[in-house]
Amino acid sequence: MYIFQQIHRFHGLVAGIFLALIAYSSLVSAQAVQAPTPTEPKLAIVLNSAEASVSLIDMPTRKVIKTVPVGKEPHHLMITPDQKTLLIANAAGNDVVLMNPVNGELTGKIPDIIDPYQIGYSPNHKWFIANGNRLDRVDIYVADGSNLKLAKTIKIGKTPSHIAFTSDSKIAFITLQDSSELAAIDLSTQTVLWKMPTGNTPAGVWMTPGDQYLLLGITGEDNVQVIDWKNRKEVKRIFTGKAAHNFRPLGDKKHVFVSNRVASTISLIDMQTLEKLGDITGLPSGPDDMEITPDGKTMWVTFRFAKKVGVIDIPSMKLIATIPVGKSPHGIFFTPRAGWE
């Protein structure tokens, strides 16, 4: 009886994933009728954190066409609000390099951005945050595109990692990996509102629609922790895979992927039911950052331990190609892309 129950449960999960993807495909098709099909991305930009370089990949042929030196330990990247300039944060280089996101040409540099591990703009584009992972600091800048003016440096806890914001841009949330804490910062005053304990080694953080819950990738464990941030309490744990790490929404405001670094899997989570729908398996080691094409059908993933980038077919949840890149590939970007929602 137990075996039959497990088989029934498995088929239920598969059916749930299938229905979710069908619904998303229908949404994409409906949008395509209402608006012109977006231009397909041509260039994927991948940060090789341990090689101080960027790999430029021709997406149609899936081949690296150029490797560009950019600075020490480029981990994360962010497009400017006008969508014209890509910011590459060099954590050990203490600067941010500017790149044309369409052709990969370097266009400038912002010096004296200290230890920028993870970076992010607030939704209203008025604030820019650089997390100093190595130096245990959070730098808050007043932002005007790529013009940044330091407002305040906050010594906040051990190893500040990823960033999320409330939709009104009033609060920034920071995961503190080696303190195993979540911090909330009031952006108007640049002060810490509160800190609360989390699971072991939190990394990625994602806000669900309506600012309802925060999802934390608990890299020291095998789950995503759901936080009711308004009441500062845990709601539940979603067991995904060993070393749950980072998030990328599907783009339908309902589903989000989470990479499980040590399990070498990627899980799909329903943000409404807070349940795991299924896993993408058979992946190279160390899946980390993810990006999705504008049609919502293909996901590109960096594999930090395998020195590869993978291409995943989302409807079938299968890996269809891998591309060798540099050591410890981390951030990945291309434009256009599916919405981050």
Protein backbone atom coordinates (compact mmCIF):
# COMPACT_ATOMS: atom_id res chain seq x y z
CA MET A 1 0.00 0.00 0.00
CA TYR A 2 2.84 2.42 0.86
CA ILE A 3 4.48 1.97 -2.55
CA PHE A 4 1.20 2.63 -4.35
CA GLN A 5 0.69 5.75 -2.23
CA GLN A 6 4.15 7.04 -3.19
CA ILE A 7 3.55 6.33 -6.87
CA HIS A 8 0.22 8.17 -6.67
CA ARG A 9 1.93 11.13 -4.97
CA PHE A 10 4.66 11.24 -7.64
CA HIS A 11 2.13 11.28 -10.45
CA GLY A 12 0.27 14.06 -8.65
CA LEU A 13 3.44 16.18 -8.51
CA VAL A 14 4.17 15.59 -12.18
CA ALA A 15 0.60 16.51 -13.08
CA GLY A 16 0.89 19.68 -11.00
CA ILE A 17 4.09 20.74 -12.79
CA PHE A 18 2.56 19.94 -16.17
CA LEU A 19 -0.56 22.00 -15.45
CA ALA A 20 1.52 24.91 -14.14
CA LEU A 21 3.67 24.96 -17.25
CA ILE A 22 0.66 24.62 -19.54
CA ALA A 23 -0.97 27.57 -17.77
CA TYR A 24 2.19 29.62 -18.15
CA SER A 25 2.48 28.68 -21.84
CA SER A 26 -1.13 29.82 -22.32
CA LEU A 27 -0.31 33.11 -20.60
CA VAL A 28 2.72 33.63 -22.84
CA SER A 29 0.62 32.79 -25.95
CA ALA A 30 -2.11 35.23 -24.91
CA GLN A 31 0.45 37.97 -24.39
CA ALA A 32 1.98 37.20 -27.79
CA VAL A 33 -1.40 37.87 -29.43
CA GLN A 34 -1.68 41.23 -27.70
CA ALA A 35 1.87 42.41 -28.33
CA PRO A 36 4.73 41.76 -30.77
CA THR A 37 6.95 38.80 -29.93
CA PRO A 38 9.99 40.13 -28.05
CA THR A 39 13.37 39.96 -29.74
CA GLU A 40 15.29 36.86 -28.77
CA PRO A 41 18.47 37.43 -26.74
CA LYS A 42 21.71 36.86 -28.62
CA LEU A 43 24.48 37.30 -26.02
CA ALA A 44 24.76 35.63 -22.61
CA ILE A 45 27.17 37.28 -20.16
CA VAL A 46 28.66 34.98 -17.51
CA LEU A 47 30.88 36.04 -14.60
CA ASN A 48 33.85 33.75 -13.91
CA SER A 49 34.39 34.59 -10.24
CA ALA A 50 37.68 32.69 -9.83
CA GLU A 51 39.21 33.91 -13.11
CA ALA A 52 38.52 37.67 -12.91
CA SER A 53 36.81 37.48 -16.28
CA VAL A 54 33.54 37.40 -18.17
CA SER A 55 32.58 34.79 -20.77
CA LEU A 56 30.51 36.10 -23.68
CA ILE A 57 28.36 33.33 -25.17
CA ASP A 58 26.69 33.46 -28.57
CA MET A 59 23.31 32.06 -27.58
CA PRO A 60 22.18 30.71 -31.00
CA THR A 61 25.37 28.62 -31.41
CA ARG A 62 25.90 28.11 -27.66
CA LYS A 63 29.62 28.85 -27.93
CA VAL A 64 31.93 31.20 -26.02
CA ILE A 65 33.01 33.87 -28.49
CA LYS A 66 35.15 35.98 -26.17
CA THR A 67 36.59 36.07 -22.65
CA VAL A 68 36.98 39.57 -21.19
CA PRO A 69 39.12 40.46 -18.11
CA VAL A 70 37.05 42.65 -15.78
CA GLY A 71 38.53 42.62 -12.26
CA LYS A 72 38.97 40.48 -9.17
CA GLU A 73 36.10 38.24 -8.06
CA PRO A 74 33.14 39.32 -10.17
CA HIS A 75 30.23 37.60 -8.45
CA HIS A 76 27.00 39.43 -9.26
CA LEU A 77 25.67 41.84 -11.86
CA MET A 78 22.73 44.19 -12.30
CA ILE A 79 21.23 46.15 -15.19
CA THR A 80 20.72 49.89 -14.68
CA PRO A 81 17.10 51.09 -14.50
CA ASP A 82 17.26 52.47 -18.07
CA GLN A 83 18.26 48.96 -19.26
CA LYS A 84 21.30 50.37 -21.08
CA THR A 85 24.27 49.47 -18.88
CA LEU A 86 25.23 46.29 -17.08
CA LEU A 87 26.96 46.71 -13.72
CA ILE A 88 29.54 44.02 -12.86
CA ALA A 89 30.52 44.03 -9.20
CA ASN A 90 34.14 43.07 -8.51
CA ALA A 91 34.18 42.09 -4.83
CA ALA A 92 37.97 41.89 -4.43
CA GLY A 93 38.61 44.66 -6.95
CA ASN A 94 36.56 47.23 -5.01
CA ASP A 95 34.89 48.60 -8.12
CA VAL A 96 31.97 48.18 -10.50
CA VAL A 97 32.67 47.72 -14.20
CA LEU A 98 30.21 49.05 -16.80
CA MET A 99 29.37 46.90 -19.83
CA ASN A 100 27.13 47.21 -22.86
CA PRO A 101 24.64 44.35 -22.28
CA VAL A 102 23.99 43.81 -26.00
CA ASN A 103 27.53 43.53 -27.42
CA GLY A 104 29.64 42.94 -24.30
CA GLU A 105 31.86 46.00 -24.75
CA LEU A 106 33.29 47.60 -21.60
CA THR A 107 32.19 51.23 -21.30
CA GLY A 108 33.61 52.43 -17.99
CA LYS A 109 34.18 51.81 -14.30
CA ILE A 110 32.87 53.11 -10.98
CA PRO A 111 35.85 53.12 -8.56
CA ASP A 112 35.83 52.85 -4.78
CA ILE A 113 32.75 50.67 -4.41
CA ILE A 114 34.11 48.64 -1.52
CA ASP A 115 33.73 44.84 -1.53
CA PRO A 116 30.62 44.72 -3.73
CA TYR A 117 29.56 41.08 -3.52
CA GLN A 118 25.81 41.35 -4.16
CA ILE A 119 24.25 44.52 -5.59
CA GLY A 120 20.72 45.74 -6.18
CA TYR A 121 18.49 48.71 -7.00
CA SER A 122 15.35 49.40 -5.00
CA PRO A 123 12.12 49.09 -7.05
CA ASN A 124 11.80 52.90 -7.27
CA HIS A 125 15.44 53.08 -8.48
CA LYS A 126 16.34 55.67 -5.83
CA TRP A 127 18.58 53.42 -3.76
CA PHE A 128 21.49 51.13 -4.64
CA ILE A 129 22.87 48.59 -2.19
CA ALA A 130 26.25 46.85 -2.24
CA ASN A 131 26.71 44.01 0.24
CA GLY A 132 30.29 43.63 1.49
CA ASN A 133 30.35 39.86 1.97
CA ARG A 134 34.02 39.77 2.93
CA LEU A 135 34.09 42.92 5.09
CA ASP A 136 30.75 42.43 6.89
CA ARG A 137 29.28 45.74 5.71
CA VAL A 138 26.31 47.06 3.74
CA ASP A 139 26.80 50.23 1.72
CA ILE A 140 23.68 52.23 0.80
CA TYR A 141 23.93 54.69 -2.08
CA VAL A 142 21.59 57.35 -3.42
CA ALA A 143 21.27 56.32 -7.07
CA ASP A 144 20.77 58.18 -10.32
CA GLY A 145 21.35 55.41 -12.84
CA SER A 146 25.02 54.48 -12.58
CA ASN A 147 25.80 57.70 -10.67
CA LEU A 148 26.07 56.57 -7.05
CA LYS A 149 26.54 58.70 -3.94
CA LEU A 150 27.30 56.89 -0.70
CA ALA A 151 24.65 57.63 1.95
CA LYS A 152 25.78 55.30 4.71
CA THR A 153 27.87 52.25 5.58
CA ILE A 154 26.33 49.82 8.04
CA LYS A 155 28.31 47.18 9.93
CA ILE A 156 25.50 44.70 10.18
CA GLY A 157 26.65 41.14 10.91
CA LYS A 158 28.72 38.32 9.49
CA THR A 159 28.84 37.88 5.71
CA PRO A 160 25.94 39.89 4.29
CA SER A 161 24.81 38.03 1.18
CA HIS A 162 21.65 38.59 -0.89
CA ILE A 163 19.10 41.42 -1.05
CA ALA A 164 15.31 41.83 -1.39
CA PHE A 165 13.08 44.89 -1.14
CA THR A 166 9.50 45.72 -0.28
CA SER A 167 7.59 46.89 -3.35
CA ASP A 168 7.32 50.42 -1.93
CA SER A 169 11.13 50.61 -1.58
CA LYS A 170 10.92 51.41 2.11
CA ILE A 171 12.69 48.31 3.46
CA ALA A 172 15.67 46.27 2.26
CA PHE A 173 16.21 42.74 3.57
CA ILE A 174 19.70 41.27 3.84
CA THR A 175 20.65 37.67 4.55
CA LEU A 176 23.64 37.27 6.88
CA GLN A 177 25.25 33.97 5.97
CA ASP A 178 27.65 33.38 8.85
CA SER A 179 25.41 34.98 11.47
CA SER A 180 22.46 32.87 10.25
CA GLU A 181 20.21 35.94 10.45
CA LEU A 182 17.88 38.07 8.36
CA ALA A 183 18.17 41.86 8.72
CA ALA A 184 15.69 44.57 7.75
CA ILE A 185 16.96 48.07 6.90
CA ASP A 186 14.89 51.26 6.76
CA LEU A 187 16.13 52.90 3.56
CA SER A 188 14.93 56.42 4.39
CA THR A 189 17.04 56.54 7.56
CA GLN A 190 19.62 53.86 6.61
CA THR A 191 19.17 52.18 9.98
CA VAL A 192 18.64 48.56 10.97
CA LEU A 193 15.00 48.01 11.93
CA TRP A 194 15.48 44.48 13.22
CA LYS A 195 17.32 41.19 12.89
CA MET A 196 15.95 37.68 13.39
CA PRO A 197 17.51 34.21 13.45
CA THR A 198 17.17 31.95 10.42
CA GLY A 199 18.23 28.49 9.32
CA ASN A 200 21.91 27.67 8.87
CA THR A 201 23.68 29.91 6.31
CA PRO A 202 20.92 31.81 4.50
CA ALA A 203 21.81 33.06 1.01
CA GLY A 204 19.19 33.86 -1.65
CA VAL A 205 16.13 35.83 -0.58
CA TRP A 206 12.93 36.37 -2.58
CA MET A 207 9.74 38.32 -1.85
CA THR A 208 6.49 36.61 -2.85
CA PRO A 209 3.73 38.59 -4.64
CA GLY A 210 1.95 41.19 -2.55
CA ASP A 211 4.95 41.42 -0.20
CA GLN A 212 3.44 38.53 1.72
CA TYR A 213 6.40 36.29 2.56
CA LEU A 214 10.15 36.19 2.21
CA LEU A 215 11.68 32.97 0.90
CA LEU A 216 15.21 32.22 2.11
CA GLY A 217 17.54 29.72 0.46
CA ILE A 218 19.08 27.96 3.45
CA THR A 219 22.41 26.89 1.99
CA GLY A 220 23.56 25.17 5.17
CA GLU A 221 20.53 22.88 5.05
CA ASP A 222 18.20 21.43 2.41
CA ASN A 223 15.22 23.76 2.49
CA VAL A 224 13.66 27.09 1.69
CA GLN A 225 12.55 28.92 4.82
CA VAL A 226 9.29 30.88 4.55
CA ILE A 227 9.29 34.03 6.70
CA ASP A 228 6.29 36.16 7.70
CA TRP A 229 8.50 39.26 7.81
CA LYS A 230 5.82 41.58 9.21
CA ASN A 231 5.58 39.42 12.34
CA ARG A 232 9.17 38.18 12.22
CA LYS A 233 8.38 34.51 12.40
CA GLU A 234 8.89 31.34 10.40
CA VAL A 235 5.83 30.00 8.59
CA LYS A 236 7.23 26.73 7.28
CA ARG A 237 10.16 24.98 5.58
CA ILE A 238 9.93 23.79 1.97
CA PHE A 239 12.35 20.89 1.54
CA THR A 240 13.99 21.26 -1.87
CA GLY A 241 17.51 19.84 -1.86
CA LYS A 242 20.87 20.05 -0.10
CA ALA A 243 22.29 23.60 -0.04
CA ALA A 244 19.20 25.47 -1.29
CA HIS A 245 20.74 28.67 -2.52
CA ASN A 246 19.33 31.17 -5.02
CA PHE A 247 16.05 32.15 -6.71
CA ARG A 248 14.78 33.03 -10.18
CA PRO A 249 11.05 33.61 -10.76
CA LEU A 250 9.43 31.96 -13.77
CA GLY A 251 7.87 35.30 -14.74
CA ASP A 252 4.20 34.42 -14.20
CA LYS A 253 3.94 35.88 -10.65
CA LYS A 254 3.14 32.38 -9.38
CA HIS A 255 6.24 30.21 -9.56
CA VAL A 256 9.89 30.54 -8.59
CA PHE A 257 12.91 28.28 -9.15
CA VAL A 258 15.50 27.61 -6.45
CA SER A 259 18.95 26.18 -7.14
CA ASN A 260 20.19 23.48 -4.75
CA ARG A 261 23.98 23.72 -4.94
CA VAL A 262 25.10 20.47 -3.33
CA ALA A 263 22.14 18.36 -4.46
CA SER A 264 22.81 19.58 -8.04
CA THR A 265 19.10 20.07 -8.65
CA ILE A 266 16.74 22.98 -9.29
CA SER A 267 13.31 22.97 -7.64
CA LEU A 268 10.10 24.68 -8.78
CA ILE A 269 8.02 26.26 -6.01
CA ASP A 270 4.42 27.47 -6.15
CA MET A 271 4.48 30.87 -4.41
CA GLN A 272 0.76 30.72 -3.65
CA THR A 273 0.59 27.27 -2.01
CA LEU A 274 4.22 27.39 -0.77
CA GLU A 275 4.74 23.84 -2.01
CA LYS A 276 7.45 22.28 -4.16
CA LEU A 277 6.06 21.10 -7.49
CA GLY A 278 9.08 19.13 -8.65
CA ASP A 279 12.80 19.04 -9.40
CA ILE A 280 15.08 19.35 -12.40
CA THR A 281 17.65 16.59 -11.97
CA GLY A 282 20.62 15.18 -13.88
CA LEU A 283 22.51 18.49 -13.66
CA PRO A 284 26.24 19.27 -13.41
CA SER A 285 27.53 20.15 -9.95
CA GLY A 286 26.86 23.45 -8.22
CA PRO A 287 23.83 25.08 -9.91
CA ASP A 288 23.70 28.71 -8.82
CA ASP A 289 22.40 31.74 -10.74
CA MET A 290 19.65 31.44 -13.36
CA GLU A 291 18.23 33.50 -16.21
CA ILE A 292 15.15 32.84 -18.39
CA THR A 293 14.47 33.74 -22.02
CA PRO A 294 11.58 36.14 -22.71
CA ASP A 295 9.34 33.36 -24.08
CA GLY A 296 9.61 31.59 -20.72
CA LYS A 297 10.72 28.33 -22.34
CA THR A 298 14.45 28.16 -21.69
CA MET A 299 16.54 28.69 -18.56
CA TRP A 300 20.29 29.27 -18.55
CA VAL A 301 22.14 28.26 -15.35
CA THR A 302 25.68 28.68 -14.03
CA PHE A 303 27.26 25.56 -12.49
CA ARG A 304 29.95 26.87 -10.13
CA PHE A 305 31.63 23.56 -9.34
CA ALA A 306 31.54 22.20 -12.91
CA LYS A 307 32.83 25.32 -14.74
CA LYS A 308 29.88 25.17 -17.09
CA VAL A 309 26.70 26.95 -18.12
CA GLY A 310 23.65 24.79 -18.73
CA VAL A 311 20.60 25.28 -20.93
CA ILE A 312 17.34 23.82 -19.59
CA ASP A 313 14.10 23.27 -21.50
CA ILE A 314 11.48 24.46 -19.01
CA PRO A 315 8.38 22.61 -20.36
CA SER A 316 10.16 19.23 -20.13
CA MET A 317 12.30 20.22 -17.09
CA LYS A 318 15.34 18.71 -18.83
CA LEU A 319 18.95 19.82 -19.37
CA ILE A 320 19.51 20.08 -23.13
CA ALA A 321 23.03 21.56 -23.43
CA THR A 322 26.14 22.56 -21.47
CA ILE A 323 28.80 25.13 -22.37
CA PRO A 324 32.31 25.17 -20.80
CA VAL A 325 33.25 28.55 -19.31
CA GLY A 326 35.78 29.79 -16.72
CA LYS A 327 36.37 28.86 -13.09
CA SER A 328 33.49 29.27 -10.65
CA PRO A 329 30.89 30.83 -12.98
CA HIS A 330 28.42 32.83 -10.91
CA GLY A 331 26.25 35.67 -12.22
CA ILE A 332 24.55 35.39 -15.63
CA PHE A 333 22.62 37.92 -17.72
CA PHE A 334 21.09 38.46 -21.13
CA THR A 335 18.56 40.84 -22.62
CA PRO A 336 15.69 40.66 -23.31
CA ARG A 337 14.63 38.19 -20.62
CA ALA A 338 11.56 37.00 -18.78
CA GLY A 339 10.18 39.32 -16.11
CA TRP A 340 11.50 39.11 -12.56
CA GLU A 341 8.12 38.65 -10.92
